[in-house]
Amino acid sequence: GNGNGTGDGTEGAYNDTVFGTYMHGPVLARNPLIADLLLKLALDVNALPPTDDRWYEALRNERIAAAQQPA
């Protein structure tokens, strides 16, 4: 997303297998890299098969642009 705090675009924290974030909205649906990481940790696997993320990047950029529009 756009972050929450100092304006640098970041929000939340993690350390090893502990994650902290504001859970407002569909964080995993909008951040598939985080979803993949959580699945990897939960399943205790070293690697998940690669996915085609081109559509994800386009959708993510579209959602960020929409969120930045004045209400």
N, C-alpha and C. Protein backbone atom coordinates (compact mmCIF):
# COMPACT_ATOMS: atom_id res chain seq x y z
N GLY A 1 0.83 -1.19 0.00
CA GLY A 1 0.00 0.00 0.00
C GLY A 1 0.86 1.23 0.00
N ASN A 2 0.31 2.27 0.55
CA ASN A 2 0.99 3.56 0.57
C ASN A 2 1.77 3.81 1.83
N GLY A 3 1.70 2.88 2.75
CA GLY A 3 2.42 3.06 3.99
C GLY A 3 1.57 3.78 5.02
N ASN A 4 2.15 3.94 6.19
CA ASN A 4 1.41 4.54 7.29
C ASN A 4 2.42 5.12 8.26
N GLY A 5 2.72 6.38 8.10
CA GLY A 5 3.67 6.94 9.05
C GLY A 5 4.50 8.06 8.49
N THR A 6 5.76 7.80 8.21
CA THR A 6 6.71 8.85 7.88
C THR A 6 6.69 9.30 6.43
N GLY A 7 5.82 8.73 5.61
CA GLY A 7 5.75 9.11 4.21
C GLY A 7 6.71 8.36 3.32
N ASP A 8 7.40 7.37 3.85
CA ASP A 8 8.36 6.62 3.03
C ASP A 8 7.73 5.41 2.35
N GLY A 9 6.41 5.21 2.53
CA GLY A 9 5.72 4.11 1.86
C GLY A 9 5.77 2.79 2.60
N THR A 10 6.28 2.80 3.82
CA THR A 10 6.36 1.56 4.57
C THR A 10 5.39 1.57 5.75
N GLU A 11 5.09 0.39 6.24
CA GLU A 11 4.22 0.23 7.40
C GLU A 11 4.41 -1.17 7.93
N GLY A 12 4.36 -1.33 9.23
CA GLY A 12 4.46 -2.65 9.82
C GLY A 12 5.90 -3.06 10.06
N ALA A 13 6.03 -4.26 10.60
CA ALA A 13 7.35 -4.80 10.91
C ALA A 13 7.27 -6.31 10.98
N TYR A 14 8.41 -6.96 10.81
CA TYR A 14 8.47 -8.40 11.03
C TYR A 14 9.85 -8.77 11.55
N ASN A 15 9.87 -9.85 12.28
CA ASN A 15 11.12 -10.39 12.80
C ASN A 15 10.98 -11.90 12.83
N ASP A 16 11.74 -12.57 11.99
CA ASP A 16 11.70 -14.02 11.90
C ASP A 16 10.31 -14.46 11.44
N THR A 17 9.49 -15.00 12.33
CA THR A 17 8.14 -15.45 11.92
C THR A 17 7.04 -14.66 12.61
N VAL A 18 7.36 -13.48 13.13
CA VAL A 18 6.37 -12.62 13.77
C VAL A 18 6.16 -11.40 12.89
N PHE A 19 4.89 -11.14 12.52
CA PHE A 19 4.54 -10.03 11.64
C PHE A 19 3.59 -9.08 12.35
N GLY A 20 3.80 -7.79 12.17
CA GLY A 20 2.89 -6.79 12.74
C GLY A 20 2.50 -5.79 11.67
N THR A 21 1.20 -5.53 11.53
CA THR A 21 0.71 -4.57 10.56
C THR A 21 -0.69 -4.14 10.95
N TYR A 22 -1.14 -3.03 10.42
CA TYR A 22 -2.53 -2.65 10.57
C TYR A 22 -3.33 -3.50 9.61
N MET A 23 -4.31 -4.21 10.09
CA MET A 23 -5.07 -5.14 9.25
C MET A 23 -6.35 -4.49 8.73
N HIS A 24 -6.22 -3.31 8.15
CA HIS A 24 -7.35 -2.63 7.54
C HIS A 24 -7.40 -3.02 6.07
N GLY A 25 -8.39 -3.78 5.69
CA GLY A 25 -8.54 -4.15 4.30
C GLY A 25 -7.86 -5.47 3.97
N PRO A 26 -7.89 -5.83 2.70
CA PRO A 26 -7.40 -7.14 2.25
C PRO A 26 -5.88 -7.17 2.05
N VAL A 27 -5.14 -7.16 3.15
CA VAL A 27 -3.69 -7.05 3.07
C VAL A 27 -3.07 -8.19 2.27
N LEU A 28 -3.56 -9.41 2.43
CA LEU A 28 -2.95 -10.54 1.71
C LEU A 28 -3.34 -10.55 0.24
N ALA A 29 -4.58 -10.20 -0.06
CA ALA A 29 -5.01 -10.16 -1.46
C ALA A 29 -4.28 -9.09 -2.25
N ARG A 30 -3.95 -8.00 -1.59
CA ARG A 30 -3.28 -6.90 -2.29
C ARG A 30 -1.76 -6.98 -2.21
N ASN A 31 -1.26 -7.92 -1.46
CA ASN A 31 0.19 -8.09 -1.31
C ASN A 31 0.55 -9.57 -1.44
N PRO A 32 0.47 -10.13 -2.64
CA PRO A 32 0.71 -11.55 -2.79
C PRO A 32 2.11 -11.99 -2.38
N LEU A 33 3.07 -11.10 -2.39
CA LEU A 33 4.41 -11.49 -1.94
C LEU A 33 4.38 -11.80 -0.44
N ILE A 34 3.60 -11.04 0.32
CA ILE A 34 3.45 -11.33 1.75
C ILE A 34 2.70 -12.64 1.93
N ALA A 35 1.64 -12.84 1.15
CA ALA A 35 0.88 -14.09 1.22
C ALA A 35 1.78 -15.28 0.91
N ASP A 36 2.61 -15.16 -0.12
CA ASP A 36 3.53 -16.24 -0.47
C ASP A 36 4.51 -16.52 0.67
N LEU A 37 5.03 -15.46 1.29
CA LEU A 37 5.97 -15.65 2.39
C LEU A 37 5.29 -16.36 3.56
N LEU A 38 4.07 -15.95 3.91
CA LEU A 38 3.36 -16.60 5.02
C LEU A 38 3.09 -18.07 4.70
N LEU A 39 2.70 -18.36 3.45
CA LEU A 39 2.49 -19.76 3.07
C LEU A 39 3.78 -20.56 3.16
N LYS A 40 4.86 -19.97 2.69
CA LYS A 40 6.16 -20.65 2.76
C LYS A 40 6.51 -20.99 4.20
N LEU A 41 6.33 -20.02 5.09
CA LEU A 41 6.64 -20.26 6.50
C LEU A 41 5.70 -21.28 7.12
N ALA A 42 4.41 -21.20 6.79
CA ALA A 42 3.43 -22.12 7.37
C ALA A 42 3.64 -23.55 6.88
N LEU A 43 4.03 -23.69 5.62
CA LEU A 43 4.22 -25.02 5.05
C LEU A 43 5.62 -25.56 5.25
N ASP A 44 6.51 -24.71 5.76
CA ASP A 44 7.89 -25.08 6.01
C ASP A 44 8.56 -25.62 4.74
N VAL A 45 8.43 -24.85 3.66
CA VAL A 45 9.07 -25.23 2.41
C VAL A 45 10.13 -24.19 2.07
N ASN A 46 11.12 -24.61 1.31
CA ASN A 46 12.20 -23.69 0.95
C ASN A 46 11.85 -22.80 -0.22
N ALA A 47 10.99 -23.26 -1.12
CA ALA A 47 10.65 -22.45 -2.28
C ALA A 47 9.27 -22.82 -2.79
N LEU A 48 8.53 -21.81 -3.18
CA LEU A 48 7.26 -22.02 -3.87
C LEU A 48 7.51 -21.86 -5.35
N PRO A 49 6.73 -22.52 -6.19
CA PRO A 49 6.93 -22.35 -7.62
C PRO A 49 6.72 -20.90 -8.03
N PRO A 50 7.51 -20.40 -8.97
CA PRO A 50 7.35 -19.01 -9.40
C PRO A 50 5.99 -18.79 -10.07
N THR A 51 5.49 -17.58 -9.92
CA THR A 51 4.22 -17.21 -10.55
C THR A 51 4.44 -16.06 -11.50
N ASP A 52 3.49 -15.86 -12.38
CA ASP A 52 3.53 -14.74 -13.31
C ASP A 52 2.90 -13.53 -12.61
N ASP A 53 3.73 -12.58 -12.19
CA ASP A 53 3.26 -11.45 -11.40
C ASP A 53 2.97 -10.20 -12.23
N ARG A 54 2.98 -10.30 -13.55
CA ARG A 54 2.74 -9.10 -14.37
C ARG A 54 1.37 -8.51 -14.10
N TRP A 55 0.34 -9.34 -14.02
CA TRP A 55 -1.01 -8.84 -13.75
C TRP A 55 -1.10 -8.23 -12.37
N TYR A 56 -0.37 -8.82 -11.42
CA TYR A 56 -0.39 -8.31 -10.05
C TYR A 56 0.18 -6.90 -9.98
N GLU A 57 1.30 -6.66 -10.63
CA GLU A 57 1.91 -5.33 -10.61
C GLU A 57 0.99 -4.29 -11.22
N ALA A 58 0.33 -4.62 -12.33
CA ALA A 58 -0.59 -3.68 -12.97
C ALA A 58 -1.77 -3.37 -12.05
N LEU A 59 -2.34 -4.40 -11.43
CA LEU A 59 -3.47 -4.20 -10.53
C LEU A 59 -3.05 -3.42 -9.29
N ARG A 60 -1.90 -3.73 -8.74
CA ARG A 60 -1.41 -3.03 -7.55
C ARG A 60 -1.21 -1.55 -7.85
N ASN A 61 -0.59 -1.23 -8.98
CA ASN A 61 -0.38 0.16 -9.36
C ASN A 61 -1.70 0.89 -9.57
N GLU A 62 -2.67 0.20 -10.15
CA GLU A 62 -4.00 0.79 -10.35
C GLU A 62 -4.66 1.11 -9.02
N ARG A 63 -4.58 0.19 -8.07
CA ARG A 63 -5.20 0.38 -6.74
C ARG A 63 -4.51 1.50 -5.97
N ILE A 64 -3.19 1.60 -6.07
CA ILE A 64 -2.46 2.67 -5.39
C ILE A 64 -2.87 4.02 -5.97
N ALA A 65 -2.96 4.11 -7.30
CA ALA A 65 -3.38 5.35 -7.94
C ALA A 65 -4.79 5.74 -7.51
N ALA A 66 -5.69 4.77 -7.43
CA ALA A 66 -7.07 5.05 -7.02
C ALA A 66 -7.12 5.53 -5.57
N ALA A 67 -6.30 4.93 -4.71
CA ALA A 67 -6.30 5.32 -3.30
C ALA A 67 -5.73 6.72 -3.10
N GLN A 68 -4.90 7.18 -4.01
CA GLN A 68 -4.28 8.49 -3.88
C GLN A 68 -5.16 9.61 -4.43
N GLN A 69 -6.26 9.26 -5.09
CA GLN A 69 -7.17 10.27 -5.63
C GLN A 69 -7.93 10.93 -4.48
N PRO A 70 -8.15 12.25 -4.56
CA PRO A 70 -8.93 12.92 -3.52
C PRO A 70 -10.36 12.37 -3.47
N ALA A 71 -10.91 12.33 -2.29
CA ALA A 71 -12.28 11.79 -2.11
C ALA A 71 -13.33 12.68 -2.71
